[in-house]
Amino acid sequence: MKGNASEVKVHYKGNNDDFIVIVDSVQAVKDWKKDSSVPLAQVVSSFKVFVTGGHGNQGILDGASKGSLESEFGTSNDDEVVKQILEKGSIVETGSAGRDGVKNVSQGGSVAH
């Protein structure tokens, strides 16, 4: 991920877990929803599905197990699960991926000399 890029993900609240797919952009998801012939590879950053351990769209992302995918989506096929998450989930856009803040406090007027 580039320095100032925002992270865009699609969050799906399941029965037992929260599922996340990282996508390239909000627009890519909207385009895919209008025209599902758009290849998924142009929408998602990775076909890996993550779970947050019940922390909504926040928290540490762990890879979803095949068992949790099977019980929630009826399949562990990555393409099918990603499609369901894109269709039923909500788009979440976050800031610049944790690279905000002061870069070098020794330079500048933030400390009186």
PDB file of N, CA and C in Angstrom:
ATOM      1  N   MET A   1       0.850  -1.176   0.000  1.00  0.00           N
ATOM      2  CA  MET A   1       0.000   0.000   0.000  1.00  0.00           C
ATOM      3  C   MET A   1       0.895   1.237   0.000  1.00  0.00           C
ATOM      4  N   LYS A   2       0.525   2.204  -0.751  1.00  0.00           N
ATOM      5  CA  LYS A   2       1.319   3.421  -0.869  1.00  0.00           C
ATOM      6  C   LYS A   2       1.120   4.312   0.349  1.00  0.00           C
ATOM      7  N   GLY A   3       2.094   5.209   0.583  1.00  0.00           N
ATOM      8  CA  GLY A   3       2.132   6.032   1.784  1.00  0.00           C
ATOM      9  C   GLY A   3       0.855   6.749   2.154  1.00  0.00           C
ATOM     10  N   ASN A   4       0.245   7.490   1.247  1.00  0.00           N
ATOM     11  CA  ASN A   4      -0.926   8.286   1.604  1.00  0.00           C
ATOM     12  C   ASN A   4      -2.232   7.679   1.109  1.00  0.00           C
ATOM     13  N   ALA A   5      -2.178   6.463   0.604  1.00  0.00           N
ATOM     14  CA  ALA A   5      -3.383   5.838   0.074  1.00  0.00           C
ATOM     15  C   ALA A   5      -4.328   5.476   1.212  1.00  0.00           C
ATOM     16  N   SER A   6      -5.617   5.648   0.955  1.00  0.00           N
ATOM     17  CA  SER A   6      -6.586   5.207   1.957  1.00  0.00           C
ATOM     18  C   SER A   6      -6.856   3.727   1.717  1.00  0.00           C
ATOM     19  N   GLU A   7      -7.262   3.053   2.768  1.00  0.00           N
ATOM     20  CA  GLU A   7      -7.579   1.635   2.647  1.00  0.00           C
ATOM     21  C   GLU A   7      -9.087   1.504   2.500  1.00  0.00           C
ATOM     22  N   VAL A   8      -9.501   0.717   1.533  1.00  0.00           N
ATOM     23  CA  VAL A   8     -10.924   0.502   1.309  1.00  0.00           C
ATOM     24  C   VAL A   8     -11.193  -0.986   1.473  1.00  0.00           C
ATOM     25  N   LYS A   9     -12.203  -1.290   2.277  1.00  0.00           N
ATOM     26  CA  LYS A   9     -12.567  -2.687   2.484  1.00  0.00           C
ATOM     27  C   LYS A   9     -14.077  -2.805   2.473  1.00  0.00           C
ATOM     28  N   VAL A  10     -14.531  -4.019   2.266  1.00  0.00           N
ATOM     29  CA  VAL A  10     -15.958  -4.301   2.337  1.00  0.00           C
ATOM     30  C   VAL A  10     -16.164  -5.194   3.555  1.00  0.00           C
ATOM     31  N   HIS A  11     -17.066  -4.757   4.435  1.00  0.00           N
ATOM     32  CA  HIS A  11     -17.341  -5.439   5.702  1.00  0.00           C
ATOM     33  C   HIS A  11     -18.686  -6.133   5.610  1.00  0.00           C
ATOM     34  N   TYR A  12     -18.698  -7.415   5.969  1.00  0.00           N
ATOM     35  CA  TYR A  12     -19.940  -8.182   6.001  1.00  0.00           C
ATOM     36  C   TYR A  12     -20.121  -8.720   7.409  1.00  0.00           C
ATOM     37  N   LYS A  13     -21.226  -8.355   8.047  1.00  0.00           N
ATOM     38  CA  LYS A  13     -21.536  -8.817   9.402  1.00  0.00           C
ATOM     39  C   LYS A  13     -22.233 -10.164   9.297  1.00  0.00           C
ATOM     40  N   GLY A  14     -21.511 -11.217   9.653  1.00  0.00           N
ATOM     41  CA  GLY A  14     -22.074 -12.555   9.597  1.00  0.00           C
ATOM     42  C   GLY A  14     -22.767 -12.920  10.895  1.00  0.00           C
ATOM     43  N   ASN A  15     -23.246 -14.145  10.971  1.00  0.00           N
ATOM     44  CA  ASN A  15     -23.917 -14.618  12.178  1.00  0.00           C
ATOM     45  C   ASN A  15     -22.956 -14.748  13.351  1.00  0.00           C
ATOM     46  N   ASN A  16     -21.738 -15.229  13.080  1.00  0.00           N
ATOM     47  CA  ASN A  16     -20.769 -15.458  14.148  1.00  0.00           C
ATOM     48  C   ASN A  16     -19.517 -14.607  14.028  1.00  0.00           C
ATOM     49  N   ASP A  17     -19.196 -14.144  12.833  1.00  0.00           N
ATOM     50  CA  ASP A  17     -17.965 -13.393  12.598  1.00  0.00           C
ATOM     51  C   ASP A  17     -18.243 -12.186  11.721  1.00  0.00           C
ATOM     52  N   ASP A  18     -17.274 -11.269  11.726  1.00  0.00           N
ATOM     53  CA  ASP A  18     -17.278 -10.151  10.789  1.00  0.00           C
ATOM     54  C   ASP A  18     -16.250 -10.473   9.713  1.00  0.00           C
ATOM     55  N   PHE A  19     -16.661 -10.409   8.453  1.00  0.00           N
ATOM     56  CA  PHE A  19     -15.792 -10.778   7.342  1.00  0.00           C
ATOM     57  C   PHE A  19     -15.395  -9.522   6.571  1.00  0.00           C
ATOM     58  N   ILE A  20     -14.140  -9.488   6.149  1.00  0.00           N
ATOM     59  CA  ILE A  20     -13.579  -8.327   5.459  1.00  0.00           C
ATOM     60  C   ILE A  20     -12.899  -8.781   4.170  1.00  0.00           C
ATOM     61  N   VAL A  21     -13.099  -8.005   3.102  1.00  0.00           N
ATOM     62  CA  VAL A  21     -12.346  -8.166   1.863  1.00  0.00           C
ATOM     63  C   VAL A  21     -11.737  -6.802   1.552  1.00  0.00           C
ATOM     64  N   ILE A  22     -10.445  -6.778   1.253  1.00  0.00           N
ATOM     65  CA  ILE A  22      -9.764  -5.534   0.885  1.00  0.00           C
ATOM     66  C   ILE A  22      -9.990  -5.308  -0.610  1.00  0.00           C
ATOM     67  N   VAL A  23     -10.434  -4.100  -0.960  1.00  0.00           N
ATOM     68  CA  VAL A  23     -10.726  -3.783  -2.361  1.00  0.00           C
ATOM     69  C   VAL A  23      -9.860  -2.619  -2.829  1.00  0.00           C
ATOM     70  N   ASP A  24      -9.791  -2.465  -4.159  1.00  0.00           N
ATOM     71  CA  ASP A  24      -8.943  -1.424  -4.735  1.00  0.00           C
ATOM     72  C   ASP A  24      -9.503  -0.026  -4.518  1.00  0.00           C
ATOM     73  N   SER A  25     -10.811   0.133  -4.666  1.00  0.00           N
ATOM     74  CA  SER A  25     -11.408   1.459  -4.490  1.00  0.00           C
ATOM     75  C   SER A  25     -12.919   1.333  -4.321  1.00  0.00           C
ATOM     76  N   VAL A  26     -13.511   2.389  -3.794  1.00  0.00           N
ATOM     77  CA  VAL A  26     -14.970   2.452  -3.669  1.00  0.00           C
ATOM     78  C   VAL A  26     -15.593   2.362  -5.056  1.00  0.00           C
ATOM     79  N   GLN A  27     -15.008   3.089  -6.007  1.00  0.00           N
ATOM     80  CA  GLN A  27     -15.554   3.116  -7.363  1.00  0.00           C
ATOM     81  C   GLN A  27     -15.521   1.737  -8.008  1.00  0.00           C
ATOM     82  N   ALA A  28     -14.459   0.972  -7.763  1.00  0.00           N
ATOM     83  CA  ALA A  28     -14.359  -0.374  -8.342  1.00  0.00           C
ATOM     84  C   ALA A  28     -15.508  -1.253  -7.863  1.00  0.00           C
ATOM     85  N   VAL A  29     -15.857  -1.152  -6.576  1.00  0.00           N
ATOM     86  CA  VAL A  29     -16.968  -1.942  -6.030  1.00  0.00           C
ATOM     87  C   VAL A  29     -18.283  -1.492  -6.662  1.00  0.00           C
ATOM     88  N   LYS A  30     -18.486  -0.179  -6.761  1.00  0.00           N
ATOM     89  CA  LYS A  30     -19.724   0.337  -7.358  1.00  0.00           C
ATOM     90  C   LYS A  30     -19.852  -0.106  -8.815  1.00  0.00           C
ATOM     91  N   ASP A  31     -18.732  -0.049  -9.559  1.00  0.00           N
ATOM     92  CA  ASP A  31     -18.755  -0.480 -10.960  1.00  0.00           C
ATOM     93  C   ASP A  31     -19.117  -1.957 -11.064  1.00  0.00           C
ATOM     94  N   TRP A  32     -18.543  -2.778 -10.174  1.00  0.00           N
ATOM     95  CA  TRP A  32     -18.824  -4.217 -10.195  1.00  0.00           C
ATOM     96  C   TRP A  32     -20.289  -4.492  -9.856  1.00  0.00           C
ATOM     97  N   LYS A  33     -20.843  -3.729  -8.897  1.00  0.00           N
ATOM     98  CA  LYS A  33     -22.249  -3.941  -8.526  1.00  0.00           C
ATOM     99  C   LYS A  33     -23.182  -3.601  -9.687  1.00  0.00           C
ATOM    100  N   LYS A  34     -22.813  -2.610 -10.505  1.00  0.00           N
ATOM    101  CA  LYS A  34     -23.623  -2.247 -11.668  1.00  0.00           C
ATOM    102  C   LYS A  34     -23.457  -3.254 -12.796  1.00  0.00           C
ATOM    103  N   ASP A  35     -22.238  -3.810 -12.919  1.00  0.00           N
ATOM    104  CA  ASP A  35     -21.915  -4.709 -14.024  1.00  0.00           C
ATOM    105  C   ASP A  35     -21.032  -5.832 -13.500  1.00  0.00           C
ATOM    106  N   SER A  36     -21.652  -6.949 -13.126  1.00  0.00           N
ATOM    107  CA  SER A  36     -20.894  -8.038 -12.510  1.00  0.00           C
ATOM    108  C   SER A  36     -20.014  -8.792 -13.502  1.00  0.00           C
ATOM    109  N   SER A  37     -20.001  -8.366 -14.776  1.00  0.00           N
ATOM    110  CA  SER A  37     -19.063  -8.974 -15.720  1.00  0.00           C
ATOM    111  C   SER A  37     -17.659  -8.387 -15.551  1.00  0.00           C
ATOM    112  N   VAL A  38     -17.538  -7.310 -14.769  1.00  0.00           N
ATOM    113  CA  VAL A  38     -16.216  -6.756 -14.454  1.00  0.00           C
ATOM    114  C   VAL A  38     -15.454  -7.829 -13.675  1.00  0.00           C
ATOM    115  N   PRO A  39     -14.243  -8.187 -14.108  1.00  0.00           N
ATOM    116  CA  PRO A  39     -13.492  -9.236 -13.407  1.00  0.00           C
ATOM    117  C   PRO A  39     -13.228  -8.861 -11.946  1.00  0.00           C
ATOM    118  N   LEU A  40     -13.415  -9.829 -11.047  1.00  0.00           N
ATOM    119  CA  LEU A  40     -13.174  -9.578  -9.619  1.00  0.00           C
ATOM    120  C   LEU A  40     -11.747  -9.110  -9.367  1.00  0.00           C
ATOM    121  N   ALA A  41     -10.815  -9.559 -10.197  1.00  0.00           N
ATOM    122  CA  ALA A  41      -9.413  -9.165 -10.016  1.00  0.00           C
ATOM    123  C   ALA A  41      -9.232  -7.653 -10.168  1.00  0.00           C
ATOM    124  N   GLN A  42     -10.161  -6.984 -10.848  1.00  0.00           N
ATOM    125  CA  GLN A  42     -10.092  -5.528 -10.987  1.00  0.00           C
ATOM    126  C   GLN A  42     -10.781  -4.814  -9.831  1.00  0.00           C
ATOM    127  N   VAL A  43     -11.372  -5.578  -8.916  1.00  0.00           N
ATOM    128  CA  VAL A  43     -12.118  -4.993  -7.802  1.00  0.00           C
ATOM    129  C   VAL A  43     -11.400  -5.220  -6.475  1.00  0.00           C
ATOM    130  N   VAL A  44     -10.995  -6.458  -6.233  1.00  0.00           N
ATOM    131  CA  VAL A  44     -10.388  -6.798  -4.945  1.00  0.00           C
ATOM    132  C   VAL A  44      -8.870  -6.719  -5.023  1.00  0.00           C
ATOM    133  N   SER A  45      -8.251  -6.332  -3.910  1.00  0.00           N
ATOM    134  CA  SER A  45      -6.795  -6.290  -3.834  1.00  0.00           C
ATOM    135  C   SER A  45      -6.233  -7.691  -3.668  1.00  0.00           C
ATOM    136  N   SER A  46      -7.021  -8.558  -3.040  1.00  0.00           N
ATOM    137  CA  SER A  46      -6.611  -9.932  -2.778  1.00  0.00           C
ATOM    138  C   SER A  46      -7.876 -10.764  -2.623  1.00  0.00           C
ATOM    139  N   PHE A  47      -7.785 -12.027  -2.991  1.00  0.00           N
ATOM    140  CA  PHE A  47      -8.942 -12.902  -2.825  1.00  0.00           C
ATOM    141  C   PHE A  47      -8.983 -13.504  -1.426  1.00  0.00           C
ATOM    142  N   LYS A  48      -8.146 -13.017  -0.534  1.00  0.00           N
ATOM    143  CA  LYS A  48      -8.119 -13.511   0.841  1.00  0.00           C
ATOM    144  C   LYS A  48      -9.252 -12.851   1.625  1.00  0.00           C
ATOM    145  N   VAL A  49     -10.007 -13.665   2.335  1.00  0.00           N
ATOM    146  CA  VAL A  49     -11.097 -13.179   3.178  1.00  0.00           C
ATOM    147  C   VAL A  49     -10.591 -13.164   4.612  1.00  0.00           C
ATOM    148  N   PHE A  50     -10.852 -12.070   5.309  1.00  0.00           N
ATOM    149  CA  PHE A  50     -10.382 -11.903   6.678  1.00  0.00           C
ATOM    150  C   PHE A  50     -11.553 -11.893   7.654  1.00  0.00           C
ATOM    151  N   VAL A  51     -11.251 -12.224   8.909  1.00  0.00           N
ATOM    152  CA  VAL A  51     -12.208 -12.071  10.007  1.00  0.00           C
ATOM    153  C   VAL A  51     -11.575 -11.149  11.038  1.00  0.00           C
ATOM    154  N   THR A  52     -12.420 -10.464  11.812  1.00  0.00           N
ATOM    155  CA  THR A  52     -11.900  -9.521  12.809  1.00  0.00           C
ATOM    156  C   THR A  52     -12.126  -9.984  14.232  1.00  0.00           C
ATOM    157  N   GLY A  53     -12.572 -11.205  14.419  1.00  0.00           N
ATOM    158  CA  GLY A  53     -12.778 -11.703  15.772  1.00  0.00           C
ATOM    159  C   GLY A  53     -13.850 -10.957  16.531  1.00  0.00           C
ATOM    160  N   GLY A  54     -14.916 -10.549  15.835  1.00  0.00           N
ATOM    161  CA  GLY A  54     -16.036  -9.877  16.485  1.00  0.00           C
ATOM    162  C   GLY A  54     -15.817  -8.406  16.756  1.00  0.00           C
ATOM    163  N   HIS A  55     -14.842  -7.793  16.088  1.00  0.00           N
ATOM    164  CA  HIS A  55     -14.562  -6.373  16.307  1.00  0.00           C
ATOM    165  C   HIS A  55     -15.086  -5.502  15.171  1.00  0.00           C
ATOM    166  N   GLY A  56     -16.138  -5.921  14.512  1.00  0.00           N
ATOM    167  CA  GLY A  56     -16.708  -5.121  13.429  1.00  0.00           C
ATOM    168  C   GLY A  56     -15.718  -4.968  12.302  1.00  0.00           C
ATOM    169  N   ASN A  57     -15.599  -3.746  11.770  1.00  0.00           N
ATOM    170  CA  ASN A  57     -14.646  -3.542  10.688  1.00  0.00           C
ATOM    171  C   ASN A  57     -13.298  -3.060  11.207  1.00  0.00           C
ATOM    172  N   GLN A  58     -13.114  -3.090  12.525  1.00  0.00           N
ATOM    173  CA  GLN A  58     -11.854  -2.710  13.152  1.00  0.00           C
ATOM    174  C   GLN A  58     -11.150  -3.970  13.632  1.00  0.00           C
ATOM    175  N   GLY A  59     -10.029  -3.797  14.263  1.00  0.00           N
ATOM    176  CA  GLY A  59      -9.341  -4.930  14.870  1.00  0.00           C
ATOM    177  C   GLY A  59      -8.345  -5.584  13.935  1.00  0.00           C
ATOM    178  N   ILE A  60      -7.697  -6.599  14.461  1.00  0.00           N
ATOM    179  CA  ILE A  60      -6.672  -7.314  13.715  1.00  0.00           C
ATOM    180  C   ILE A  60      -7.350  -8.247  12.721  1.00  0.00           C
ATOM    181  N   LEU A  61      -6.858  -8.213  11.492  1.00  0.00           N
ATOM    182  CA  LEU A  61      -7.426  -9.061  10.453  1.00  0.00           C
ATOM    183  C   LEU A  61      -6.708 -10.403  10.439  1.00  0.00           C
ATOM    184  N   ASP A  62      -7.457 -11.457  10.649  1.00  0.00           N
ATOM    185  CA  ASP A  62      -6.935 -12.817  10.556  1.00  0.00           C
ATOM    186  C   ASP A  62      -7.583 -13.484   9.359  1.00  0.00           C
ATOM    187  N   GLY A  63      -6.855 -14.376   8.714  1.00  0.00           N
ATOM    188  CA  GLY A  63      -7.426 -15.115   7.600  1.00  0.00           C
ATOM    189  C   GLY A  63      -8.602 -15.956   8.066  1.00  0.00           C
ATOM    190  N   ALA A  64      -9.683 -15.930   7.319  1.00  0.00           N
ATOM    191  CA  ALA A  64     -10.871 -16.718   7.672  1.00  0.00           C
ATOM    192  C   ALA A  64     -10.600 -18.192   7.392  1.00  0.00           C
ATOM    193  N   SER A  65     -11.028 -19.055   8.287  1.00  0.00           N
ATOM    194  CA  SER A  65     -10.846 -20.495   8.093  1.00  0.00           C
ATOM    195  C   SER A  65     -11.887 -21.015   7.102  1.00  0.00           C
ATOM    196  N   LYS A  66     -11.547 -22.133   6.464  1.00  0.00           N
ATOM    197  CA  LYS A  66     -12.503 -22.747   5.533  1.00  0.00           C
ATOM    198  C   LYS A  66     -13.796 -23.110   6.260  1.00  0.00           C
ATOM    199  N   GLY A  67     -13.675 -23.537   7.519  1.00  0.00           N
ATOM    200  CA  GLY A  67     -14.855 -23.902   8.301  1.00  0.00           C
ATOM    201  C   GLY A  67     -15.781 -22.727   8.534  1.00  0.00           C
ATOM    202  N   SER A  68     -15.206 -21.557   8.870  1.00  0.00           N
ATOM    203  CA  SER A  68     -16.056 -20.386   9.110  1.00  0.00           C
ATOM    204  C   SER A  68     -16.697 -19.908   7.813  1.00  0.00           C
ATOM    205  N   LEU A  69     -15.975 -20.028   6.685  1.00  0.00           N
ATOM    206  CA  LEU A  69     -16.558 -19.651   5.392  1.00  0.00           C
ATOM    207  C   LEU A  69     -17.697 -20.604   5.022  1.00  0.00           C
ATOM    208  N   GLU A  70     -17.464 -21.908   5.232  1.00  0.00           N
ATOM    209  CA  GLU A  70     -18.501 -22.909   4.933  1.00  0.00           C
ATOM    210  C   GLU A  70     -19.767 -22.649   5.750  1.00  0.00           C
ATOM    211  N   SER A  71     -19.594 -22.394   7.055  1.00  0.00           N
ATOM    212  CA  SER A  71     -20.783 -22.236   7.901  1.00  0.00           C
ATOM    213  C   SER A  71     -21.533 -20.939   7.607  1.00  0.00           C
ATOM    214  N   GLU A  72     -20.821 -19.887   7.205  1.00  0.00           N
ATOM    215  CA  GLU A  72     -21.479 -18.601   6.945  1.00  0.00           C
ATOM    216  C   GLU A  72     -22.031 -18.503   5.523  1.00  0.00           C
ATOM    217  N   PHE A  73     -21.250 -18.951   4.541  1.00  0.00           N
ATOM    218  CA  PHE A  73     -21.603 -18.720   3.139  1.00  0.00           C
ATOM    219  C   PHE A  73     -22.018 -19.990   2.390  1.00  0.00           C
ATOM    220  N   GLY A  74     -21.885 -21.158   3.047  1.00  0.00           N
ATOM    221  CA  GLY A  74     -22.245 -22.405   2.387  1.00  0.00           C
ATOM    222  C   GLY A  74     -21.192 -22.912   1.425  1.00  0.00           C
ATOM    223  N   THR A  75     -20.048 -22.246   1.372  1.00  0.00           N
ATOM    224  CA  THR A  75     -18.945 -22.645   0.501  1.00  0.00           C
ATOM    225  C   THR A  75     -17.655 -22.055   1.049  1.00  0.00           C
ATOM    226  N   SER A  76     -16.536 -22.678   0.683  1.00  0.00           N
ATOM    227  CA  SER A  76     -15.245 -22.079   1.028  1.00  0.00           C
ATOM    228  C   SER A  76     -14.521 -21.636  -0.243  1.00  0.00           C
ATOM    229  N   ASN A  77     -15.238 -21.635  -1.370  1.00  0.00           N
ATOM    230  CA  ASN A  77     -14.686 -21.164  -2.638  1.00  0.00           C
ATOM    231  C   ASN A  77     -14.479 -19.654  -2.554  1.00  0.00           C
ATOM    232  N   ASP A  78     -13.217 -19.231  -2.692  1.00  0.00           N
ATOM    233  CA  ASP A  78     -12.882 -17.815  -2.503  1.00  0.00           C
ATOM    234  C   ASP A  78     -13.687 -16.893  -3.411  1.00  0.00           C
ATOM    235  N   ASP A  79     -13.815 -17.239  -4.692  1.00  0.00           N
ATOM    236  CA  ASP A  79     -14.555 -16.380  -5.629  1.00  0.00           C
ATOM    237  C   ASP A  79     -16.000 -16.189  -5.177  1.00  0.00           C
ATOM    238  N   GLU A  80     -16.655 -17.286  -4.794  1.00  0.00           N
ATOM    239  CA  GLU A  80     -18.059 -17.212  -4.387  1.00  0.00           C
ATOM    240  C   GLU A  80     -18.232 -16.403  -3.104  1.00  0.00           C
ATOM    241  N   VAL A  81     -17.329 -16.626  -2.143  1.00  0.00           N
ATOM    242  CA  VAL A  81     -17.411 -15.896  -0.873  1.00  0.00           C
ATOM    243  C   VAL A  81     -17.182 -14.407  -1.101  1.00  0.00           C
ATOM    244  N   VAL A  82     -16.169 -14.065  -1.902  1.00  0.00           N
ATOM    245  CA  VAL A  82     -15.874 -12.654  -2.187  1.00  0.00           C
ATOM    246  C   VAL A  82     -17.080 -11.997  -2.858  1.00  0.00           C
ATOM    247  N   LYS A  83     -17.708 -12.676  -3.807  1.00  0.00           N
ATOM    248  CA  LYS A  83     -18.894 -12.119  -4.478  1.00  0.00           C
ATOM    249  C   LYS A  83     -20.004 -11.828  -3.470  1.00  0.00           C
ATOM    250  N   GLN A  84     -20.252 -12.780  -2.559  1.00  0.00           N
ATOM    251  CA  GLN A  84     -21.315 -12.576  -1.565  1.00  0.00           C
ATOM    252  C   GLN A  84     -20.993 -11.397  -0.647  1.00  0.00           C
ATOM    253  N   ILE A  85     -19.730 -11.272  -0.251  1.00  0.00           N
ATOM    254  CA  ILE A  85     -19.345 -10.160   0.627  1.00  0.00           C
ATOM    255  C   ILE A  85     -19.505  -8.834  -0.108  1.00  0.00           C
ATOM    256  N   LEU A  86     -19.100  -8.782  -1.383  1.00  0.00           N
ATOM    257  CA  LEU A  86     -19.253  -7.547  -2.160  1.00  0.00           C
ATOM    258  C   LEU A  86     -20.728  -7.191  -2.334  1.00  0.00           C
ATOM    259  N   GLU A  87     -21.575  -8.196  -2.563  1.00  0.00           N
ATOM    260  CA  GLU A  87     -23.002  -7.944  -2.781  1.00  0.00           C
ATOM    261  C   GLU A  87     -23.709  -7.495  -1.507  1.00  0.00           C
ATOM    262  N   LYS A  88     -23.410  -8.150  -0.382  1.00  0.00           N
ATOM    263  CA  LYS A  88     -24.175  -7.937   0.849  1.00  0.00           C
ATOM    264  C   LYS A  88     -23.482  -7.045   1.868  1.00  0.00           C
ATOM    265  N   GLY A  89     -22.191  -6.805   1.684  1.00  0.00           N
ATOM    266  CA  GLY A  89     -21.429  -6.055   2.678  1.00  0.00           C
ATOM    267  C   GLY A  89     -21.511  -4.554   2.484  1.00  0.00           C
ATOM    268  N   SER A  90     -20.897  -3.838   3.409  1.00  0.00           N
ATOM    269  CA  SER A  90     -20.869  -2.374   3.321  1.00  0.00           C
ATOM    270  C   SER A  90     -19.430  -1.903   3.126  1.00  0.00           C
ATOM    271  N   ILE A  91     -19.280  -0.859   2.318  1.00  0.00           N
ATOM    272  CA  ILE A  91     -17.956  -0.321   2.001  1.00  0.00           C
ATOM    273  C   ILE A  91     -17.474   0.541   3.161  1.00  0.00           C
ATOM    274  N   VAL A  92     -16.226   0.319   3.564  1.00  0.00           N
ATOM    275  CA  VAL A  92     -15.616   1.086   4.652  1.00  0.00           C
ATOM    276  C   VAL A  92     -14.311   1.664   4.128  1.00  0.00           C
ATOM    277  N   GLU A  93     -14.178   2.987   4.226  1.00  0.00           N
ATOM    278  CA  GLU A  93     -12.951   3.642   3.784  1.00  0.00           C
ATOM    279  C   GLU A  93     -12.262   4.225   5.003  1.00  0.00           C
ATOM    280  N   THR A  94     -10.995   3.882   5.171  1.00  0.00           N
ATOM    281  CA  THR A  94     -10.243   4.389   6.316  1.00  0.00           C
ATOM    282  C   THR A  94      -9.173   5.351   5.836  1.00  0.00           C
ATOM    283  N   GLY A  95      -8.579   6.075   6.783  1.00  0.00           N
ATOM    284  CA  GLY A  95      -7.565   7.086   6.473  1.00  0.00           C
ATOM    285  C   GLY A  95      -6.356   6.525   5.772  1.00  0.00           C
ATOM    286  N   SER A  96      -5.230   7.090   6.064  1.00  0.00           N
ATOM    287  CA  SER A  96      -4.024   6.752   5.319  1.00  0.00           C
ATOM    288  C   SER A  96      -3.250   5.601   5.937  1.00  0.00           C
ATOM    289  N   ALA A  97      -3.937   4.578   6.362  1.00  0.00           N
ATOM    290  CA  ALA A  97      -3.335   3.322   6.812  1.00  0.00           C
ATOM    291  C   ALA A  97      -2.305   3.501   7.912  1.00  0.00           C
ATOM    292  N   GLY A  98      -2.579   4.386   8.857  1.00  0.00           N
ATOM    293  CA  GLY A  98      -1.720   4.510  10.028  1.00  0.00           C
ATOM    294  C   GLY A  98      -0.431   5.259   9.819  1.00  0.00           C
ATOM    295  N   ARG A  99      -0.316   6.023   8.758  1.00  0.00           N
ATOM    296  CA  ARG A  99       0.923   6.749   8.515  1.00  0.00           C
ATOM    297  C   ARG A  99       0.769   8.242   8.774  1.00  0.00           C
ATOM    298  N   ASP A 100      -0.192   8.607   9.588  1.00  0.00           N
ATOM    299  CA  ASP A 100      -0.411  10.008   9.919  1.00  0.00           C
ATOM    300  C   ASP A 100       0.523  10.409  11.046  1.00  0.00           C
ATOM    301  N   GLY A 101       0.472  11.666  11.380  1.00  0.00           N
ATOM    302  CA  GLY A 101       1.166  12.111  12.582  1.00  0.00           C
ATOM    303  C   GLY A 101       2.471  12.804  12.290  1.00  0.00           C
ATOM    304  N   VAL A 102       3.135  13.179  13.371  1.00  0.00           N
ATOM    305  CA  VAL A 102       4.389  13.912  13.288  1.00  0.00           C
ATOM    306  C   VAL A 102       5.463  12.977  12.760  1.00  0.00           C
ATOM    307  N   LYS A 103       6.234  13.463  11.798  1.00  0.00           N
ATOM    308  CA  LYS A 103       7.266  12.628  11.197  1.00  0.00           C
ATOM    309  C   LYS A 103       8.613  12.792  11.902  1.00  0.00           C
ATOM    310  N   ASN A 104       8.970  14.022  12.266  1.00  0.00           N
ATOM    311  CA  ASN A 104      10.264  14.250  12.899  1.00  0.00           C
ATOM    312  C   ASN A 104      10.130  15.430  13.846  1.00  0.00           C
ATOM    313  N   VAL A 105       9.970  15.155  15.125  1.00  0.00           N
ATOM    314  CA  VAL A 105       9.717  16.224  16.082  1.00  0.00           C
ATOM    315  C   VAL A 105      10.959  17.049  16.379  1.00  0.00           C
ATOM    316  N   SER A 106      12.140  16.579  15.984  1.00  0.00           N
ATOM    317  CA  SER A 106      13.348  17.366  16.245  1.00  0.00           C
ATOM    318  C   SER A 106      13.461  18.550  15.298  1.00  0.00           C
ATOM    319  N   GLN A 107      12.708  18.537  14.214  1.00  0.00           N
ATOM    320  CA  GLN A 107      12.714  19.657  13.282  1.00  0.00           C
ATOM    321  C   GLN A 107      11.379  20.372  13.386  1.00  0.00           C
ATOM    322  N   GLY A 108      11.423  21.673  13.521  1.00  0.00           N
ATOM    323  CA  GLY A 108      10.171  22.407  13.548  1.00  0.00           C
ATOM    324  C   GLY A 108       9.923  23.068  14.881  1.00  0.00           C
ATOM    325  N   GLY A 109       8.824  23.782  14.948  1.00  0.00           N
ATOM    326  CA  GLY A 109       8.539  24.614  16.104  1.00  0.00           C
ATOM    327  C   GLY A 109       7.693  23.964  17.171  1.00  0.00           C
ATOM    328  N   SER A 110       7.609  22.666  17.220  1.00  0.00           N
ATOM    329  CA  SER A 110       6.745  22.051  18.215  1.00  0.00           C
ATOM    330  C   SER A 110       7.389  21.980  19.595  1.00  0.00           C
ATOM    331  N   VAL A 111       8.692  22.221  19.672  1.00  0.00           N
ATOM    332  CA  VAL A 111       9.395  22.172  20.953  1.00  0.00           C
ATOM    333  C   VAL A 111      10.087  23.514  21.165  1.00  0.00           C
ATOM    334  N   ALA A 112       9.890  24.117  22.341  1.00  0.00           N
ATOM    335  CA  ALA A 112      10.566  25.386  22.643  1.00  0.00           C
ATOM    336  C   ALA A 112      12.047  25.118  22.878  1.00  0.00           C
ATOM    337  N   HIS A 113      12.906  26.012  22.334  1.00  0.00           N
ATOM    338  CA  HIS A 113      14.354  25.828  22.492  1.00  0.00           C
ATOM    339  C   HIS A 113      14.893  26.793  23.494  1.00  0.00           C
TER     340      HIS A 113
END
